[in-house]
PDB file of all heavy atoms in Angstrom:
ATOM      1  N   ALA A   1     -11.788   5.524  -4.575  1.00  0.00           N
ATOM      2  CA  ALA A   1     -12.511   4.885  -3.391  1.00  0.00           C
ATOM      3  C   ALA A   1     -13.653   3.998  -3.893  1.00  0.00           C
ATOM      4  O   ALA A   1     -13.773   2.805  -3.437  1.00  0.00           O
ATOM      5  CB  ALA A   1     -12.933   5.948  -2.349  1.00  0.00           C
ATOM      6  N   LEU A   2     -14.470   4.558  -4.670  1.00  0.00           N
ATOM      7  CA  LEU A   2     -15.667   3.720  -5.103  1.00  0.00           C
ATOM      8  C   LEU A   2     -15.185   2.670  -6.041  1.00  0.00           C
ATOM      9  O   LEU A   2     -15.696   1.588  -5.919  1.00  0.00           O
ATOM     10  CB  LEU A   2     -16.640   4.721  -5.705  1.00  0.00           C
ATOM     11  CG  LEU A   2     -18.031   4.022  -6.001  1.00  0.00           C
ATOM     12  CD1 LEU A   2     -18.696   3.597  -4.793  1.00  0.00           C
ATOM     13  CD2 LEU A   2     -19.000   4.794  -6.916  1.00  0.00           C
ATOM     14  N   LYS A   3     -14.384   2.987  -7.018  1.00  0.00           N
ATOM     15  CA  LYS A   3     -13.891   1.945  -7.973  1.00  0.00           C
ATOM     16  C   LYS A   3     -13.330   0.811  -7.157  1.00  0.00           C
ATOM     17  O   LYS A   3     -13.613  -0.342  -7.588  1.00  0.00           O
ATOM     18  CB  LYS A   3     -12.861   2.569  -8.962  1.00  0.00           C
ATOM     19  CG  LYS A   3     -12.320   1.660 -10.063  1.00  0.00           C
ATOM     20  CD  LYS A   3     -11.468   2.471 -10.916  1.00  0.00           C
ATOM     21  CE  LYS A   3     -11.057   1.641 -12.143  1.00  0.00           C
ATOM     22  NZ  LYS A   3     -10.110   0.562 -11.681  1.00  0.00           N
ATOM     23  N   GLY A   4     -12.502   1.030  -6.233  1.00  0.00           N
ATOM     24  CA  GLY A   4     -11.825  -0.062  -5.570  1.00  0.00           C
ATOM     25  C   GLY A   4     -12.843  -0.913  -4.769  1.00  0.00           C
ATOM     26  O   GLY A   4     -12.744  -2.186  -4.798  1.00  0.00           O
ATOM     27  N   LEU A   5     -13.816  -0.261  -4.111  1.00  0.00           N
ATOM     28  CA  LEU A   5     -14.891  -0.993  -3.393  1.00  0.00           C
ATOM     29  C   LEU A   5     -15.766  -1.877  -4.447  1.00  0.00           C
ATOM     30  O   LEU A   5     -16.124  -3.020  -4.074  1.00  0.00           O
ATOM     31  CB  LEU A   5     -15.650  -0.153  -2.639  1.00  0.00           C
ATOM     32  CG  LEU A   5     -15.004   0.513  -1.438  1.00  0.00           C
ATOM     33  CD1 LEU A   5     -15.977   1.490  -0.643  1.00  0.00           C
ATOM     34  CD2 LEU A   5     -14.617  -0.739  -0.341  1.00  0.00           C
ATOM     35  N   VAL A   6     -16.108  -1.208  -5.576  1.00  0.00           N
ATOM     36  CA  VAL A   6     -16.881  -1.924  -6.545  1.00  0.00           C
ATOM     37  C   VAL A   6     -16.138  -3.168  -7.002  1.00  0.00           C
ATOM     38  O   VAL A   6     -16.786  -4.244  -7.061  1.00  0.00           O
ATOM     39  CB  VAL A   6     -17.214  -1.058  -7.678  1.00  0.00           C
ATOM     40  CG1 VAL A   6     -17.953  -1.808  -8.817  1.00  0.00           C
ATOM     41  CG2 VAL A   6     -18.160   0.128  -7.188  1.00  0.00           C
ATOM     42  N   GLU A   7     -14.920  -3.074  -7.303  1.00  0.00           N
ATOM     43  CA  GLU A   7     -14.201  -4.182  -7.740  1.00  0.00           C
ATOM     44  C   GLU A   7     -14.030  -5.240  -6.687  1.00  0.00           C
ATOM     45  O   GLU A   7     -13.960  -6.346  -7.041  1.00  0.00           O
ATOM     46  CB  GLU A   7     -12.953  -3.656  -8.364  1.00  0.00           C
ATOM     47  CG  GLU A   7     -12.993  -2.864  -9.693  1.00  0.00           C
ATOM     48  CD  GLU A   7     -11.738  -2.205 -10.137  1.00  0.00           C
ATOM     49  OE1 GLU A   7     -10.619  -2.349  -9.367  1.00  0.00           O
ATOM     50  OE2 GLU A   7     -11.816  -1.588 -11.186  1.00  0.00           O
ATOM     51  N   GLN A   8     -13.786  -4.782  -5.471  1.00  0.00           N
ATOM     52  CA  GLN A   8     -13.596  -5.710  -4.407  1.00  0.00           C
ATOM     53  C   GLN A   8     -14.820  -6.587  -4.224  1.00  0.00           C
ATOM     54  O   GLN A   8     -14.823  -7.734  -3.915  1.00  0.00           O
ATOM     55  CB  GLN A   8     -13.313  -5.099  -3.127  1.00  0.00           C
ATOM     56  CG  GLN A   8     -12.782  -5.863  -1.894  1.00  0.00           C
ATOM     57  CD  GLN A   8     -13.812  -6.567  -1.155  1.00  0.00           C
ATOM     58  OE1 GLN A   8     -14.981  -5.978  -0.993  1.00  0.00           O
ATOM     59  NE2 GLN A   8     -13.621  -7.655  -0.570  1.00  0.00           N
ATOM     60  N   HIS A   9     -16.076  -6.041  -4.589  1.00  0.00           N
ATOM     61  CA  HIS A   9     -17.285  -6.651  -4.517  1.00  0.00           C
ATOM     62  C   HIS A   9     -17.707  -7.443  -5.818  1.00  0.00           C
ATOM     63  O   HIS A   9     -18.760  -8.059  -5.955  1.00  0.00           O
ATOM     64  CB  HIS A   9     -18.421  -5.765  -4.119  1.00  0.00           C
ATOM     65  CG  HIS A   9     -18.386  -5.413  -2.539  1.00  0.00           C
ATOM     66  ND1 HIS A   9     -19.391  -5.849  -1.639  1.00  0.00           N
ATOM     67  CD2 HIS A   9     -17.543  -4.633  -1.940  1.00  0.00           C
ATOM     68  CE1 HIS A   9     -19.157  -5.321  -0.544  1.00  0.00           C
ATOM     69  NE2 HIS A   9     -17.987  -4.540  -0.621  1.00  0.00           N
ATOM     70  N   GLY A  10     -16.722  -7.518  -6.813  1.00  0.00           N
ATOM     71  CA  GLY A  10     -16.959  -8.244  -8.020  1.00  0.00           C
ATOM     72  C   GLY A  10     -17.609  -7.499  -8.982  1.00  0.00           C
ATOM     73  O   GLY A  10     -18.026  -8.086 -10.033  1.00  0.00           O
ATOM     74  N   GLY A  11     -17.713  -6.132  -8.971  1.00  0.00           N
ATOM     75  CA  GLY A  11     -18.382  -5.380 -10.076  1.00  0.00           C
ATOM     76  C   GLY A  11     -17.491  -4.526 -10.741  1.00  0.00           C
ATOM     77  O   GLY A  11     -16.127  -4.692 -10.585  1.00  0.00           O
ATOM     78  N   LYS A  12     -17.938  -3.617 -11.616  1.00  0.00           N
ATOM     79  CA  LYS A  12     -17.187  -2.722 -12.356  1.00  0.00           C
ATOM     80  C   LYS A  12     -17.858  -1.367 -12.353  1.00  0.00           C
ATOM     81  O   LYS A  12     -19.066  -1.287 -12.682  1.00  0.00           O
ATOM     82  CB  LYS A  12     -17.013  -3.202 -13.777  1.00  0.00           C
ATOM     83  CG  LYS A  12     -16.015  -2.214 -14.633  1.00  0.00           C
ATOM     84  CD  LYS A  12     -15.795  -2.796 -15.998  1.00  0.00           C
ATOM     85  CE  LYS A  12     -14.818  -1.918 -16.851  1.00  0.00           C
ATOM     86  NZ  LYS A  12     -14.650  -2.440 -18.214  1.00  0.00           N
ATOM     87  N   MET A  13     -17.080  -0.164 -12.121  1.00  0.00           N
ATOM     88  CA  MET A  13     -17.641   1.078 -12.249  1.00  0.00           C
ATOM     89  C   MET A  13     -17.699   1.540 -13.647  1.00  0.00           C
ATOM     90  O   MET A  13     -16.706   1.373 -14.336  1.00  0.00           O
ATOM     91  CB  MET A  13     -16.850   1.972 -11.376  1.00  0.00           C
ATOM     92  CG  MET A  13     -17.440   3.249 -11.043  1.00  0.00           C
ATOM     93  SD  MET A  13     -16.611   4.301  -9.737  1.00  0.00           S
ATOM     94  CE  MET A  13     -15.311   4.917 -10.694  1.00  0.00           C
ATOM     95  N   LYS A  14     -18.861   1.963 -14.055  1.00  0.00           N
ATOM     96  CA  LYS A  14     -19.116   2.272 -15.516  1.00  0.00           C
ATOM     97  C   LYS A  14     -19.174   3.862 -15.774  1.00  0.00           C
ATOM     98  O   LYS A  14     -18.775   4.257 -16.816  1.00  0.00           O
ATOM     99  CB  LYS A  14     -20.423   1.733 -16.054  1.00  0.00           C
ATOM    100  CG  LYS A  14     -20.441   0.200 -15.852  1.00  0.00           C
ATOM    101  CD  LYS A  14     -19.542  -0.482 -16.861  1.00  0.00           C
ATOM    102  CE  LYS A  14     -19.662  -2.012 -16.746  1.00  0.00           C
ATOM    103  NZ  LYS A  14     -21.058  -2.481 -17.162  1.00  0.00           N
ATOM    104  N   HIS A  15     -19.411   4.646 -14.766  1.00  0.00           N
ATOM    105  CA  HIS A  15     -19.678   6.098 -15.068  1.00  0.00           C
ATOM    106  C   HIS A  15     -19.424   7.016 -13.985  1.00  0.00           C
ATOM    107  O   HIS A  15     -19.255   6.467 -12.723  1.00  0.00           O
ATOM    108  CB  HIS A  15     -20.995   6.396 -15.722  1.00  0.00           C
ATOM    109  CG  HIS A  15     -22.107   6.098 -14.681  1.00  0.00           C
ATOM    110  ND1 HIS A  15     -22.771   4.866 -14.439  1.00  0.00           N
ATOM    111  CD2 HIS A  15     -22.711   7.016 -13.904  1.00  0.00           C
ATOM    112  CE1 HIS A  15     -23.679   5.067 -13.469  1.00  0.00           C
ATOM    113  NE2 HIS A  15     -23.687   6.282 -13.159  1.00  0.00           N
ATOM    114  N   VAL A  16     -19.374   8.189 -14.201  1.00  0.00           N
ATOM    115  CA  VAL A  16     -19.082   9.257 -13.119  1.00  0.00           C
ATOM    116  C   VAL A  16     -20.157  10.364 -13.366  1.00  0.00           C
ATOM    117  O   VAL A  16     -20.347  10.946 -14.453  1.00  0.00           O
ATOM    118  CB  VAL A  16     -17.850   9.863 -13.251  1.00  0.00           C
ATOM    119  CG1 VAL A  16     -17.651  11.151 -12.257  1.00  0.00           C
ATOM    120  CG2 VAL A  16     -16.693   8.870 -12.955  1.00  0.00           C
ATOM    121  N   LYS A  17     -20.945  10.792 -12.299  1.00  0.00           N
ATOM    122  CA  LYS A  17     -21.848  11.797 -12.386  1.00  0.00           C
ATOM    123  C   LYS A  17     -21.605  12.692 -11.196  1.00  0.00           C
ATOM    124  O   LYS A  17     -21.838  12.350 -10.058  1.00  0.00           O
ATOM    125  CB  LYS A  17     -23.410  11.338 -12.298  1.00  0.00           C
ATOM    126  CG  LYS A  17     -24.301  12.554 -12.263  1.00  0.00           C
ATOM    127  CD  LYS A  17     -25.750  12.058 -12.015  1.00  0.00           C
ATOM    128  CE  LYS A  17     -26.755  13.334 -11.767  1.00  0.00           C
ATOM    129  NZ  LYS A  17     -28.037  12.903 -11.256  1.00  0.00           N
ATOM    130  N   PRO A  18     -21.003  13.923 -11.383  1.00  0.00           N
ATOM    131  CA  PRO A  18     -20.907  14.938 -10.208  1.00  0.00           C
ATOM    132  C   PRO A  18     -22.132  15.140  -9.581  1.00  0.00           C
ATOM    133  O   PRO A  18     -23.188  15.149 -10.219  1.00  0.00           O
ATOM    134  CB  PRO A  18     -20.294  16.139 -10.940  1.00  0.00           C
ATOM    135  CG  PRO A  18     -19.605  15.482 -12.284  1.00  0.00           C
ATOM    136  CD  PRO A  18     -20.562  14.348 -12.670  1.00  0.00           C
ATOM    137  N   HIS A  19     -21.983  15.440  -8.262  1.00  0.00           N
ATOM    138  CA  HIS A  19     -23.198  15.764  -7.450  1.00  0.00           C
ATOM    139  C   HIS A  19     -23.339  17.230  -7.238  1.00  0.00           C
ATOM    140  O   HIS A  19     -22.596  18.082  -7.049  1.00  0.00           O
ATOM    141  CB  HIS A  19     -22.950  15.037  -6.019  1.00  0.00           C
ATOM    142  CG  HIS A  19     -24.043  15.469  -5.012  1.00  0.00           C
ATOM    143  ND1 HIS A  19     -25.291  14.994  -5.125  1.00  0.00           N
ATOM    144  CD2 HIS A  19     -23.925  16.293  -4.113  1.00  0.00           C
ATOM    145  CE1 HIS A  19     -25.924  15.614  -3.962  1.00  0.00           C
ATOM    146  NE2 HIS A  19     -25.159  16.478  -3.420  1.00  0.00           N
ATOM    147  N   GLY A  20     -24.720  17.597  -7.233  1.00  0.00           N
ATOM    148  CA  GLY A  20     -25.045  18.928  -6.668  1.00  0.00           C
ATOM    149  C   GLY A  20     -24.351  20.136  -7.242  1.00  0.00           C
ATOM    150  O   GLY A  20     -24.307  20.292  -8.505  1.00  0.00           O
ATOM    151  N   ALA A  21     -23.696  20.964  -6.302  1.00  0.00           N
ATOM    152  CA  ALA A  21     -23.136  22.162  -6.773  1.00  0.00           C
ATOM    153  C   ALA A  21     -21.910  21.861  -7.875  1.00  0.00           C
ATOM    154  O   ALA A  21     -21.535  22.625  -8.679  1.00  0.00           O
ATOM    155  CB  ALA A  21     -22.631  22.910  -5.531  1.00  0.00           C
ATOM    156  N   LEU A  22     -21.246  20.733  -7.672  1.00  0.00           N
ATOM    157  CA  LEU A  22     -20.054  20.304  -8.466  1.00  0.00           C
ATOM    158  C   LEU A  22     -20.587  20.076  -9.860  1.00  0.00           C
ATOM    159  O   LEU A  22     -20.156  20.516 -10.844  1.00  0.00           O
ATOM    160  CB  LEU A  22     -19.322  19.115  -7.839  1.00  0.00           C
ATOM    161  CG  LEU A  22     -18.161  18.696  -8.706  1.00  0.00           C
ATOM    162  CD1 LEU A  22     -17.091  19.823  -8.695  1.00  0.00           C
ATOM    163  CD2 LEU A  22     -17.569  17.369  -8.115  1.00  0.00           C
ATOM    164  N   TYR A  23     -21.724  19.439  -9.991  1.00  0.00           N
ATOM    165  CA  TYR A  23     -22.350  19.180 -11.215  1.00  0.00           C
ATOM    166  C   TYR A  23     -22.688  20.398 -12.014  1.00  0.00           C
ATOM    167  O   TYR A  23     -22.350  20.568 -13.135  1.00  0.00           O
ATOM    168  CB  TYR A  23     -23.646  18.416 -10.980  1.00  0.00           C
ATOM    169  CG  TYR A  23     -24.536  17.904 -12.190  1.00  0.00           C
ATOM    170  CD1 TYR A  23     -24.239  16.628 -12.688  1.00  0.00           C
ATOM    171  CD2 TYR A  23     -25.393  18.700 -12.827  1.00  0.00           C
ATOM    172  CE1 TYR A  23     -25.115  16.221 -13.836  1.00  0.00           C
ATOM    173  CE2 TYR A  23     -26.188  18.386 -13.881  1.00  0.00           C
ATOM    174  CZ  TYR A  23     -26.036  17.138 -14.426  1.00  0.00           C
ATOM    175  OH  TYR A  23     -26.812  16.635 -15.485  1.00  0.00           O
ATOM    176  N   ASN A  24     -23.326  21.395 -11.232  1.00  0.00           N
ATOM    177  CA  ASN A  24     -23.700  22.587 -11.887  1.00  0.00           C
ATOM    178  C   ASN A  24     -22.628  23.560 -12.199  1.00  0.00           C
ATOM    179  O   ASN A  24     -22.454  24.141 -13.256  1.00  0.00           O
ATOM    180  CB  ASN A  24     -24.738  23.256 -10.992  1.00  0.00           C
ATOM    181  CG  ASN A  24     -26.052  22.629 -10.828  1.00  0.00           C
ATOM    182  OD1 ASN A  24     -26.577  22.003 -11.691  1.00  0.00           O
ATOM    183  ND2 ASN A  24     -26.594  22.672  -9.658  1.00  0.00           N
ATOM    184  N   THR A  25     -21.579  23.645 -11.302  1.00  0.00           N
ATOM    185  CA  THR A  25     -20.332  24.389 -11.601  1.00  0.00           C
ATOM    186  C   THR A  25     -19.602  24.060 -12.690  1.00  0.00           C
ATOM    187  O   THR A  25     -19.134  24.784 -13.457  1.00  0.00           O
ATOM    188  CB  THR A  25     -19.654  24.504 -10.335  1.00  0.00           C
ATOM    189  OG1 THR A  25     -20.382  24.916  -9.346  1.00  0.00           O
ATOM    190  CG2 THR A  25     -18.480  25.460 -10.522  1.00  0.00           C
ATOM    191  N   ALA A  26     -19.614  22.575 -12.909  1.00  0.00           N
ATOM    192  CA  ALA A  26     -18.690  22.122 -14.010  1.00  0.00           C
ATOM    193  C   ALA A  26     -19.188  22.531 -15.381  1.00  0.00           C
ATOM    194  O   ALA A  26     -18.305  22.633 -16.278  1.00  0.00           O
ATOM    195  CB  ALA A  26     -18.751  20.533 -13.957  1.00  0.00           C
ATOM    196  N   TYR A  27     -20.514  22.903 -15.543  1.00  0.00           N
ATOM    197  CA  TYR A  27     -20.914  23.281 -16.866  1.00  0.00           C
ATOM    198  C   TYR A  27     -21.198  24.851 -16.991  1.00  0.00           C
ATOM    199  O   TYR A  27     -21.701  25.340 -17.944  1.00  0.00           O
ATOM    200  CB  TYR A  27     -22.151  22.542 -17.248  1.00  0.00           C
ATOM    201  CG  TYR A  27     -21.864  21.103 -17.046  1.00  0.00           C
ATOM    202  CD1 TYR A  27     -22.406  20.288 -15.964  1.00  0.00           C
ATOM    203  CD2 TYR A  27     -21.088  20.324 -17.941  1.00  0.00           C
ATOM    204  CE1 TYR A  27     -22.003  18.950 -15.865  1.00  0.00           C
ATOM    205  CE2 TYR A  27     -20.605  19.022 -17.771  1.00  0.00           C
ATOM    206  CZ  TYR A  27     -21.107  18.415 -16.738  1.00  0.00           C
ATOM    207  OH  TYR A  27     -20.724  17.010 -16.467  1.00  0.00           O
ATOM    208  N   GLN A  28     -20.431  25.542 -15.846  1.00  0.00           N
ATOM    209  CA  GLN A  28     -20.510  26.963 -15.860  1.00  0.00           C
ATOM    210  C   GLN A  28     -19.076  27.469 -15.934  1.00  0.00           C
ATOM    211  O   GLN A  28     -18.676  28.516 -16.441  1.00  0.00           O
ATOM    212  CB  GLN A  28     -21.258  27.508 -14.639  1.00  0.00           C
ATOM    213  CG  GLN A  28     -22.762  27.131 -14.778  1.00  0.00           C
ATOM    214  CD  GLN A  28     -23.382  27.456 -13.466  1.00  0.00           C
ATOM    215  OE1 GLN A  28     -22.642  27.917 -12.475  1.00  0.00           O
ATOM    216  NE2 GLN A  28     -24.733  27.288 -13.333  1.00  0.00           N
TER     217      GLN A  28
END
């Protein structure tokens, strides 16, 4: 969803950072 919108606006998505509980859980 984000990648498509970024490209539609002429940009490029460079990275991914999980948010909140997903971020913390991913490294546990």
